[in-house]
């Protein structure tokens, strides 16, 4: 895949990109990084996880690599920011 701009952060481990991704005959804008699982928004630490992801990548360019599957409309894939896998920034999740 290639570079995408982050246009929205849904929660600590889901965001939207532009342009839309295409994979396995499907297309969409939501992405779920593989390799970490942040707390849900309603759970303890959920809003903090969302804020942390927003501060890091909102409005920035990310690379989507090695897609694994589409889950509930989200492309689950390896996400790279500034040359590093996004999991590097979230070792505690």
N, C-alpha and C. Protein backbone atom coordinates (compact mmCIF):
# COMPACT_ATOMS: atom_id res chain seq x y z
N UNK A 1 0.85 -1.18 0.00
CA UNK A 1 0.00 0.00 0.00
C UNK A 1 0.89 1.23 0.00
N UNK A 2 0.33 2.35 0.29
CA UNK A 2 1.14 3.57 0.24
C UNK A 2 0.74 4.53 1.35
N UNK A 3 1.06 5.80 1.16
CA UNK A 3 0.83 6.81 2.19
C UNK A 3 -0.61 7.30 2.20
N UNK A 4 -1.11 7.54 3.40
CA UNK A 4 -2.46 8.03 3.62
C UNK A 4 -2.43 9.11 4.68
N UNK A 5 -3.32 10.09 4.58
CA UNK A 5 -3.42 11.14 5.59
C UNK A 5 -4.49 10.76 6.61
N UNK A 6 -4.16 10.92 7.88
CA UNK A 6 -5.11 10.61 8.95
C UNK A 6 -6.08 11.78 9.07
N UNK A 7 -7.37 11.50 8.87
CA UNK A 7 -8.39 12.55 8.86
C UNK A 7 -9.25 12.56 10.11
N UNK A 8 -9.24 11.47 10.87
CA UNK A 8 -10.06 11.38 12.07
C UNK A 8 -9.51 10.28 12.97
N UNK A 9 -9.65 10.45 14.28
CA UNK A 9 -9.27 9.41 15.23
C UNK A 9 -10.54 9.01 15.97
N UNK A 10 -10.91 7.75 15.85
CA UNK A 10 -12.16 7.24 16.42
C UNK A 10 -11.96 6.86 17.89
N UNK A 11 -10.90 6.12 18.16
CA UNK A 11 -10.55 5.75 19.54
C UNK A 11 -9.06 5.45 19.57
N UNK A 12 -8.58 4.80 20.59
CA UNK A 12 -7.15 4.60 20.75
C UNK A 12 -6.50 3.65 19.77
N UNK A 13 -7.32 2.90 19.02
CA UNK A 13 -6.75 1.99 18.02
C UNK A 13 -7.57 1.92 16.74
N UNK A 14 -8.28 2.98 16.42
CA UNK A 14 -9.01 3.06 15.15
C UNK A 14 -8.98 4.50 14.66
N UNK A 15 -8.69 4.65 13.38
CA UNK A 15 -8.68 5.99 12.79
C UNK A 15 -9.12 5.91 11.33
N UNK A 16 -9.36 7.07 10.74
CA UNK A 16 -9.77 7.14 9.34
C UNK A 16 -8.69 7.83 8.52
N UNK A 17 -8.60 7.42 7.25
CA UNK A 17 -7.59 7.95 6.35
C UNK A 17 -8.22 8.42 5.04
N UNK A 18 -7.45 9.23 4.33
CA UNK A 18 -7.81 9.67 2.99
C UNK A 18 -6.55 9.59 2.15
N UNK A 19 -6.61 9.10 0.93
CA UNK A 19 -7.78 8.54 0.25
C UNK A 19 -8.16 7.18 0.86
N UNK A 20 -9.26 6.63 0.39
CA UNK A 20 -9.69 5.34 0.90
C UNK A 20 -8.70 4.25 0.51
N UNK A 21 -8.55 3.25 1.37
CA UNK A 21 -7.72 2.09 1.06
C UNK A 21 -8.52 1.11 0.22
N UNK A 22 -7.82 0.25 -0.49
CA UNK A 22 -8.43 -0.83 -1.27
C UNK A 22 -7.65 -2.09 -0.96
N UNK A 23 -8.36 -3.16 -0.58
CA UNK A 23 -7.70 -4.42 -0.27
C UNK A 23 -8.71 -5.56 -0.37
N UNK A 24 -8.31 -6.63 -1.01
CA UNK A 24 -9.15 -7.83 -1.09
C UNK A 24 -10.52 -7.57 -1.67
N UNK A 25 -10.62 -6.68 -2.63
CA UNK A 25 -11.90 -6.36 -3.24
C UNK A 25 -12.78 -5.45 -2.41
N UNK A 26 -12.26 -4.96 -1.30
CA UNK A 26 -13.01 -4.04 -0.44
C UNK A 26 -12.32 -2.69 -0.41
N UNK A 27 -13.06 -1.69 0.01
CA UNK A 27 -12.52 -0.34 0.13
C UNK A 27 -13.11 0.32 1.37
N UNK A 28 -12.39 1.26 1.94
CA UNK A 28 -12.89 1.95 3.12
C UNK A 28 -11.91 3.00 3.60
N UNK A 29 -12.27 3.63 4.70
CA UNK A 29 -11.40 4.66 5.25
C UNK A 29 -10.94 4.35 6.67
N UNK A 30 -11.58 3.40 7.33
CA UNK A 30 -11.20 3.08 8.72
C UNK A 30 -10.06 2.07 8.77
N UNK A 31 -9.15 2.32 9.71
CA UNK A 31 -7.96 1.49 9.87
C UNK A 31 -7.83 1.08 11.33
N UNK A 32 -7.44 -0.17 11.55
CA UNK A 32 -7.16 -0.70 12.88
C UNK A 32 -5.75 -1.23 12.84
N UNK A 33 -4.78 -0.57 13.51
CA UNK A 33 -3.41 -1.06 13.50
C UNK A 33 -3.29 -2.45 14.10
N UNK A 34 -2.52 -3.31 13.45
CA UNK A 34 -2.23 -4.63 14.01
C UNK A 34 -1.15 -4.48 15.07
N UNK A 35 -1.23 -5.28 16.11
CA UNK A 35 -0.15 -5.34 17.07
C UNK A 35 -0.40 -4.71 18.42
N UNK A 36 -1.48 -3.96 18.57
CA UNK A 36 -1.82 -3.47 19.91
C UNK A 36 -3.32 -3.26 20.01
N UNK A 37 -3.82 -3.27 21.23
CA UNK A 37 -5.25 -3.16 21.49
C UNK A 37 -5.45 -2.16 22.62
N UNK A 38 -5.86 -0.95 22.27
CA UNK A 38 -6.08 0.10 23.27
C UNK A 38 -7.42 -0.11 23.97
N UNK A 39 -7.58 0.43 25.17
CA UNK A 39 -8.87 0.33 25.87
C UNK A 39 -9.99 1.00 25.07
N UNK A 40 -11.19 0.47 25.18
CA UNK A 40 -12.35 1.08 24.53
C UNK A 40 -12.63 2.44 25.16
N UNK A 41 -13.29 3.32 24.43
CA UNK A 41 -13.55 4.68 24.92
C UNK A 41 -14.25 4.70 26.27
N UNK A 42 -15.21 3.79 26.48
CA UNK A 42 -15.98 3.78 27.73
C UNK A 42 -15.22 3.14 28.89
N UNK A 43 -14.09 2.48 28.58
CA UNK A 43 -13.31 1.81 29.63
C UNK A 43 -12.28 2.76 30.24
N UNK A 44 -11.76 2.37 31.37
CA UNK A 44 -10.72 3.15 32.04
C UNK A 44 -9.52 3.29 31.10
N UNK A 45 -9.09 4.50 30.88
CA UNK A 45 -7.96 4.77 30.00
C UNK A 45 -8.31 4.94 28.54
N UNK A 46 -9.57 4.73 28.18
CA UNK A 46 -9.98 4.80 26.78
C UNK A 46 -9.83 6.18 26.17
N UNK A 47 -10.28 7.22 26.87
CA UNK A 47 -10.17 8.58 26.34
C UNK A 47 -8.71 9.00 26.27
N UNK A 48 -7.93 8.60 27.24
CA UNK A 48 -6.50 8.91 27.24
C UNK A 48 -5.80 8.27 26.04
N UNK A 49 -6.18 7.03 25.72
CA UNK A 49 -5.60 6.33 24.57
C UNK A 49 -5.96 7.05 23.27
N UNK A 50 -7.21 7.48 23.16
CA UNK A 50 -7.63 8.22 21.97
C UNK A 50 -6.86 9.53 21.85
N UNK A 51 -6.75 10.26 22.94
CA UNK A 51 -6.03 11.54 22.93
C UNK A 51 -4.57 11.34 22.53
N UNK A 52 -3.97 10.29 23.04
CA UNK A 52 -2.57 10.00 22.73
C UNK A 52 -2.37 9.71 21.25
N UNK A 53 -3.26 8.90 20.66
CA UNK A 53 -3.18 8.59 19.23
C UNK A 53 -3.44 9.84 18.40
N UNK A 54 -4.43 10.64 18.81
CA UNK A 54 -4.76 11.87 18.08
C UNK A 54 -3.55 12.81 18.05
N UNK A 55 -2.91 13.01 19.19
CA UNK A 55 -1.74 13.91 19.24
C UNK A 55 -0.60 13.42 18.36
N UNK A 56 -0.48 12.12 18.22
CA UNK A 56 0.61 11.55 17.45
C UNK A 56 0.37 11.62 15.94
N UNK A 57 -0.84 11.23 15.47
CA UNK A 57 -1.00 11.05 14.02
C UNK A 57 -2.07 11.88 13.35
N UNK A 58 -2.93 12.58 14.09
CA UNK A 58 -4.00 13.33 13.42
C UNK A 58 -3.40 14.36 12.46
N UNK A 59 -3.88 14.35 11.21
CA UNK A 59 -3.40 15.26 10.19
C UNK A 59 -2.07 14.88 9.58
N UNK A 60 -1.49 13.80 10.06
CA UNK A 60 -0.18 13.34 9.58
C UNK A 60 -0.35 12.25 8.53
N UNK A 61 0.75 11.92 7.88
CA UNK A 61 0.77 10.87 6.88
C UNK A 61 1.28 9.58 7.51
N UNK A 62 0.57 8.49 7.25
CA UNK A 62 0.97 7.17 7.71
C UNK A 62 1.06 6.24 6.51
N UNK A 63 1.83 5.18 6.67
CA UNK A 63 1.92 4.15 5.65
C UNK A 63 1.16 2.92 6.13
N UNK A 64 0.34 2.37 5.25
CA UNK A 64 -0.38 1.14 5.56
C UNK A 64 0.33 0.01 4.84
N UNK A 65 0.77 -0.98 5.60
CA UNK A 65 1.51 -2.12 5.05
C UNK A 65 0.94 -3.43 5.56
N UNK A 66 1.21 -4.48 4.89
CA UNK A 66 0.89 -5.84 5.30
C UNK A 66 -0.51 -5.95 5.91
N UNK A 67 -1.50 -5.86 5.05
CA UNK A 67 -2.88 -6.00 5.50
C UNK A 67 -3.13 -7.44 5.95
N UNK A 68 -3.91 -7.59 7.03
CA UNK A 68 -4.22 -8.90 7.58
C UNK A 68 -5.65 -9.32 7.24
N UNK A 69 -6.59 -8.38 7.39
CA UNK A 69 -8.00 -8.68 7.15
C UNK A 69 -8.80 -7.38 7.24
N UNK A 70 -10.07 -7.47 6.90
CA UNK A 70 -11.00 -6.38 7.14
C UNK A 70 -11.94 -6.86 8.25
N UNK A 71 -11.99 -6.09 9.34
CA UNK A 71 -12.80 -6.44 10.51
C UNK A 71 -13.78 -5.32 10.78
N UNK A 72 -15.06 -5.61 10.64
CA UNK A 72 -16.13 -4.61 10.88
C UNK A 72 -15.86 -3.31 10.10
N UNK A 73 -15.42 -3.46 8.84
CA UNK A 73 -15.20 -2.31 7.98
C UNK A 73 -13.86 -1.62 8.17
N UNK A 74 -13.04 -2.14 9.08
CA UNK A 74 -11.72 -1.56 9.33
C UNK A 74 -10.64 -2.46 8.74
N UNK A 75 -9.69 -1.84 8.03
CA UNK A 75 -8.56 -2.60 7.52
C UNK A 75 -7.58 -2.81 8.67
N UNK A 76 -7.33 -4.05 9.02
CA UNK A 76 -6.35 -4.39 10.06
C UNK A 76 -5.02 -4.62 9.35
N UNK A 77 -4.05 -3.76 9.65
CA UNK A 77 -2.78 -3.81 8.94
C UNK A 77 -1.66 -3.22 9.78
N UNK A 78 -0.45 -3.41 9.31
CA UNK A 78 0.71 -2.78 9.94
C UNK A 78 0.67 -1.30 9.56
N UNK A 79 0.81 -0.42 10.53
CA UNK A 79 0.78 1.03 10.28
C UNK A 79 2.13 1.60 10.68
N UNK A 80 2.70 2.40 9.78
CA UNK A 80 3.99 3.03 10.04
C UNK A 80 3.84 4.54 10.05
N UNK A 81 4.49 5.16 11.03
CA UNK A 81 4.50 6.62 11.16
C UNK A 81 5.94 7.03 11.42
N UNK A 82 6.43 7.97 10.64
CA UNK A 82 7.82 8.44 10.75
C UNK A 82 8.82 7.28 10.68
N UNK A 83 8.52 6.31 9.82
CA UNK A 83 9.42 5.19 9.60
C UNK A 83 9.38 4.09 10.64
N UNK A 84 8.52 4.20 11.65
CA UNK A 84 8.43 3.19 12.70
C UNK A 84 7.03 2.61 12.75
N UNK A 85 6.96 1.32 13.08
CA UNK A 85 5.66 0.69 13.27
C UNK A 85 4.95 1.39 14.42
N UNK A 86 3.67 1.65 14.26
CA UNK A 86 2.89 2.37 15.28
C UNK A 86 2.95 1.67 16.63
N UNK A 87 3.13 0.36 16.66
CA UNK A 87 3.23 -0.36 17.93
C UNK A 87 4.42 0.14 18.75
N UNK A 88 5.43 0.67 18.09
CA UNK A 88 6.59 1.22 18.78
C UNK A 88 6.19 2.36 19.74
N UNK A 89 5.17 3.11 19.35
CA UNK A 89 4.72 4.26 20.15
C UNK A 89 3.76 3.86 21.27
N UNK A 90 3.26 2.63 21.24
CA UNK A 90 2.27 2.18 22.21
C UNK A 90 2.66 0.83 22.81
N UNK A 91 3.83 0.73 23.42
CA UNK A 91 4.28 -0.56 23.95
C UNK A 91 3.46 -1.05 25.15
N UNK A 92 2.69 -0.16 25.77
CA UNK A 92 1.95 -0.53 26.97
C UNK A 92 0.55 -1.07 26.68
N UNK A 93 0.17 -1.18 25.40
CA UNK A 93 -1.17 -1.69 25.07
C UNK A 93 -1.06 -3.11 24.58
